[in-house]
Amino acid sequence: MVIDTYDGTLTLSNRLGSETQFAGYGVADLYGNSSLGIGLQQSYGFGINHPLYTNGCEGSTAIEPKGHRLTINGDASIRYIHQRLYAPGGTNDLAGLRLAEDLLYVLYGGKDKSGNPKELFSISQSLWVTPMLNEGRAVQAGGSFGIFVPLNKSLSVGLTEEDEFFNNAPKAKRKNYLKNALTVTYTFPATTP
């Protein structure tokens, strides 16, 4: 069995004022997954996001947290969603309210050669749900979890797990899609002037 999946997102974001941590954004994305029976899903919308908690700021001033960094962000957007489902699904024009939460936890231990905190590992987690305002059974939801370990300043390895749920998937197709991955990431070092 061959499963075709693809996705892409374009986001433009800007803080809503110099004294606030709220940011507004516009978003356009596309998604396809043959296992779920989604031939093509396009969505367009706008929303706001805000840090719900962080130990990396005091007010609007960035600080270096001791021992660990914890950041939790909240997000809400309104979306127009056009779906083209595999037969017998047809097409849908949906209005959705997407609510999301993202968490990042970084544990530090000691200092690196330049005196900055040395990262031991990081954990990222996100959850999202999109109930449709004009079609109750077309709810979508998903989440991801990942743990990443730096091997040196430029190289890290990670393990990620993602799950996506589409309640209005066509008959004979699955409603959820679970995938995991082992990743190796190389970051090019910053050039010094």
Protein backbone atom coordinates (compact mmCIF):
# COMPACT_ATOMS: atom_id res chain seq x y z
CA MET A 1 0.00 0.00 0.00
CA VAL A 2 1.28 3.48 -0.90
CA ILE A 3 0.26 6.47 1.22
CA ASP A 4 0.67 9.94 -0.26
CA THR A 5 0.97 12.82 2.21
CA TYR A 6 1.88 16.46 1.75
CA ASP A 7 1.36 19.74 3.56
CA GLY A 8 2.53 23.33 3.46
CA THR A 9 1.87 26.49 5.47
CA LEU A 10 2.46 30.19 4.82
CA THR A 11 2.10 32.54 7.80
CA LEU A 12 2.56 36.28 8.17
CA SER A 13 2.63 37.47 11.79
CA ASN A 14 3.05 40.82 13.53
CA ARG A 15 2.83 41.93 17.16
CA LEU A 16 -0.32 44.00 17.78
CA GLY A 17 1.50 46.76 19.69
CA SER A 18 4.75 47.61 21.41
CA GLU A 19 3.31 47.08 24.90
CA THR A 20 1.51 43.79 24.26
CA GLN A 21 2.56 40.18 23.71
CA PHE A 22 -0.45 39.49 21.48
CA ALA A 23 0.37 38.93 17.81
CA GLY A 24 -2.00 38.85 14.86
CA TYR A 25 -1.39 36.69 11.81
CA GLY A 26 -2.72 35.59 8.45
CA VAL A 27 -2.33 31.99 7.36
CA ALA A 28 -2.79 29.86 4.23
CA ASP A 29 -2.12 26.14 4.16
CA LEU A 30 -2.69 23.01 2.14
CA TYR A 31 -2.88 19.37 3.17
CA GLY A 32 -3.33 15.99 1.53
CA ASN A 33 -3.36 12.45 2.91
CA SER A 34 -4.52 9.45 0.86
CA SER A 35 -4.87 7.28 3.98
CA LEU A 36 -7.48 9.69 5.38
CA GLY A 37 -9.13 10.22 1.99
CA ILE A 38 -8.13 13.90 1.82
CA GLY A 39 -7.26 14.61 -1.83
CA LEU A 40 -6.63 18.30 -1.11
CA GLN A 41 -7.57 20.57 1.76
CA GLN A 42 -6.88 24.29 1.54
CA SER A 43 -7.47 26.70 4.40
CA TYR A 44 -7.19 30.47 4.70
CA GLY A 45 -7.66 32.51 7.83
CA PHE A 46 -6.49 34.97 10.42
CA GLY A 47 -6.01 34.81 14.16
CA ILE A 48 -4.12 35.82 17.26
CA ASN A 49 -1.51 34.12 19.44
CA HIS A 50 -0.18 34.92 22.88
CA PRO A 51 2.37 33.43 25.29
CA LEU A 52 0.38 31.84 28.11
CA TYR A 53 3.50 31.25 30.22
CA THR A 54 7.24 31.68 29.84
CA ASN A 55 10.14 31.82 32.25
CA GLY A 56 12.22 33.55 29.56
CA CYS A 57 10.65 36.99 30.02
CA GLU A 58 9.84 39.44 32.78
CA GLY A 59 7.17 41.65 31.29
CA SER A 60 8.52 42.56 27.86
CA THR A 61 12.19 42.04 28.82
CA ALA A 62 13.93 38.81 27.78
CA ILE A 63 15.86 37.03 30.55
CA GLU A 64 18.05 33.93 30.59
CA PRO A 65 16.23 31.31 32.70
CA LYS A 66 18.23 29.18 35.11
CA GLY A 67 18.19 25.39 34.78
CA HIS A 68 15.39 25.15 32.23
CA ARG A 69 13.24 27.09 29.77
CA LEU A 70 9.49 26.55 29.63
CA THR A 71 7.24 28.33 27.15
CA ILE A 72 3.54 27.71 26.51
CA ASN A 73 1.73 29.58 23.72
CA GLY A 74 -1.97 29.76 22.90
CA ASP A 75 -3.45 30.37 19.47
CA ALA A 76 -6.94 30.98 18.04
CA SER A 77 -7.89 31.54 14.40
CA ILE A 78 -10.94 31.55 12.17
CA ARG A 79 -10.53 29.53 8.95
CA TYR A 80 -12.25 29.04 5.61
CA ILE A 81 -11.53 25.41 4.63
CA HIS A 82 -12.14 23.86 1.22
CA GLN A 83 -11.86 20.06 1.11
CA ARG A 84 -11.74 17.71 -1.85
CA LEU A 85 -12.29 14.22 -0.45
CA TYR A 86 -11.84 10.88 -2.20
CA ALA A 87 -15.05 9.19 -3.42
CA PRO A 88 -17.66 8.97 -2.07
CA GLY A 89 -16.77 12.12 -0.08
CA GLY A 90 -17.08 14.96 -2.62
CA THR A 91 -16.15 18.53 -1.72
CA ASN A 92 -16.86 20.63 1.38
CA ASP A 93 -16.71 24.35 2.10
CA LEU A 94 -16.28 24.75 5.86
CA ALA A 95 -15.89 27.54 8.39
CA GLY A 96 -13.72 26.48 11.33
CA LEU A 97 -12.42 27.87 14.59
CA ARG A 98 -8.90 26.51 15.18
CA LEU A 99 -7.64 26.47 18.78
CA ALA A 100 -4.07 25.41 19.49
CA GLU A 101 -1.48 25.12 22.24
CA ASP A 102 2.30 24.74 21.90
CA LEU A 103 4.80 23.87 24.63
CA LEU A 104 8.60 23.95 24.59
CA TYR A 105 10.74 22.69 27.46
CA VAL A 106 14.55 22.90 27.37
CA LEU A 107 16.75 21.45 30.14
CA TYR A 108 20.18 23.03 30.64
CA GLY A 109 23.19 21.56 32.40
CA GLY A 110 26.42 23.47 32.90
CA LYS A 111 27.94 25.97 30.48
CA ASP A 112 29.38 25.64 26.99
CA LYS A 113 32.79 27.01 25.90
CA SER A 114 31.39 30.52 25.38
CA GLY A 115 29.75 30.63 28.84
CA ASN A 116 26.16 30.11 27.63
CA PRO A 117 23.90 27.45 29.21
CA LYS A 118 24.48 24.03 27.62
CA GLU A 119 21.31 22.35 26.33
CA LEU A 120 20.92 18.73 27.47
CA PHE A 121 17.64 18.03 25.66
CA SER A 122 14.40 19.69 24.59
CA ILE A 123 10.78 18.55 24.43
CA SER A 124 8.17 20.06 22.14
CA GLN A 125 4.46 19.32 22.29
CA SER A 126 1.43 20.75 20.49
CA LEU A 127 -2.31 20.11 20.42
CA TRP A 128 -4.94 21.61 18.12
CA VAL A 129 -8.64 21.22 17.39
CA THR A 130 -10.80 22.74 14.65
CA PRO A 131 -14.53 22.39 15.19
CA MET A 132 -16.50 23.47 12.13
CA LEU A 133 -19.12 26.15 12.63
CA ASN A 134 -21.28 24.97 9.71
CA GLU A 135 -20.76 21.17 9.89
CA GLY A 136 -20.61 19.57 13.35
CA ARG A 137 -19.30 16.17 12.23
CA ALA A 138 -16.33 17.63 10.30
CA VAL A 139 -14.22 18.29 13.39
CA GLN A 140 -10.44 17.99 12.95
CA ALA A 141 -7.82 17.55 15.68
CA GLY A 142 -4.20 16.66 16.05
CA GLY A 143 -1.10 16.77 18.16
CA SER A 144 2.59 16.14 18.17
CA PHE A 145 5.30 15.29 20.66
CA GLY A 146 9.05 15.36 20.12
CA ILE A 147 12.23 14.98 22.11
CA PHE A 148 15.53 16.30 20.75
CA VAL A 149 19.09 15.78 22.00
CA PRO A 150 21.99 17.94 20.76
CA LEU A 151 25.13 15.97 19.98
CA ASN A 152 27.23 19.11 19.48
CA LYS A 153 26.69 22.79 18.60
CA SER A 154 25.41 22.00 15.08
CA LEU A 155 24.10 18.40 15.17
CA SER A 156 21.09 16.96 17.01
CA VAL A 157 18.90 13.85 16.89
CA GLY A 158 15.24 13.64 17.68
CA LEU A 159 12.21 11.38 17.87
CA THR A 160 8.77 12.76 16.95
CA GLU A 161 5.25 11.37 17.07
CA GLU A 162 2.27 13.03 15.31
CA ASP A 163 -1.42 12.16 15.13
CA GLU A 164 -4.11 13.76 12.96
CA PHE A 165 -7.87 13.09 13.18
CA PHE A 166 -10.46 13.98 10.51
CA ASN A 167 -13.96 12.98 11.62
CA ASN A 168 -15.47 13.47 8.16
CA ALA A 169 -13.04 11.16 6.33
CA PRO A 170 -14.82 9.25 3.53
CA LYS A 171 -16.16 5.76 4.18
CA ALA A 172 -13.53 3.01 3.81
CA LYS A 173 -10.81 5.47 4.90
CA ARG A 174 -9.25 5.83 8.33
CA LYS A 175 -10.20 8.79 10.54
CA ASN A 176 -6.81 9.18 12.15
CA TYR A 177 -3.24 9.05 10.88
CA LEU A 178 -0.35 8.36 13.22
CA LYS A 179 3.25 8.86 12.12
CA ASN A 180 6.60 8.87 13.87
CA ALA A 181 10.05 9.83 12.74
CA LEU A 182 13.66 9.70 13.80
CA THR A 183 15.34 12.95 12.74
CA VAL A 184 18.90 14.16 12.39
CA THR A 185 19.28 17.96 12.21
CA TYR A 186 22.32 19.92 11.17
CA THR A 187 22.32 23.68 11.82
CA PHE A 188 24.88 25.76 9.97
CA PRO A 189 26.92 27.80 12.44
CA ALA A 190 26.38 31.55 12.43
CA THR A 191 29.08 33.49 10.62
CA THR A 192 30.97 35.95 12.76
CA PRO A 193 31.86 39.35 11.30
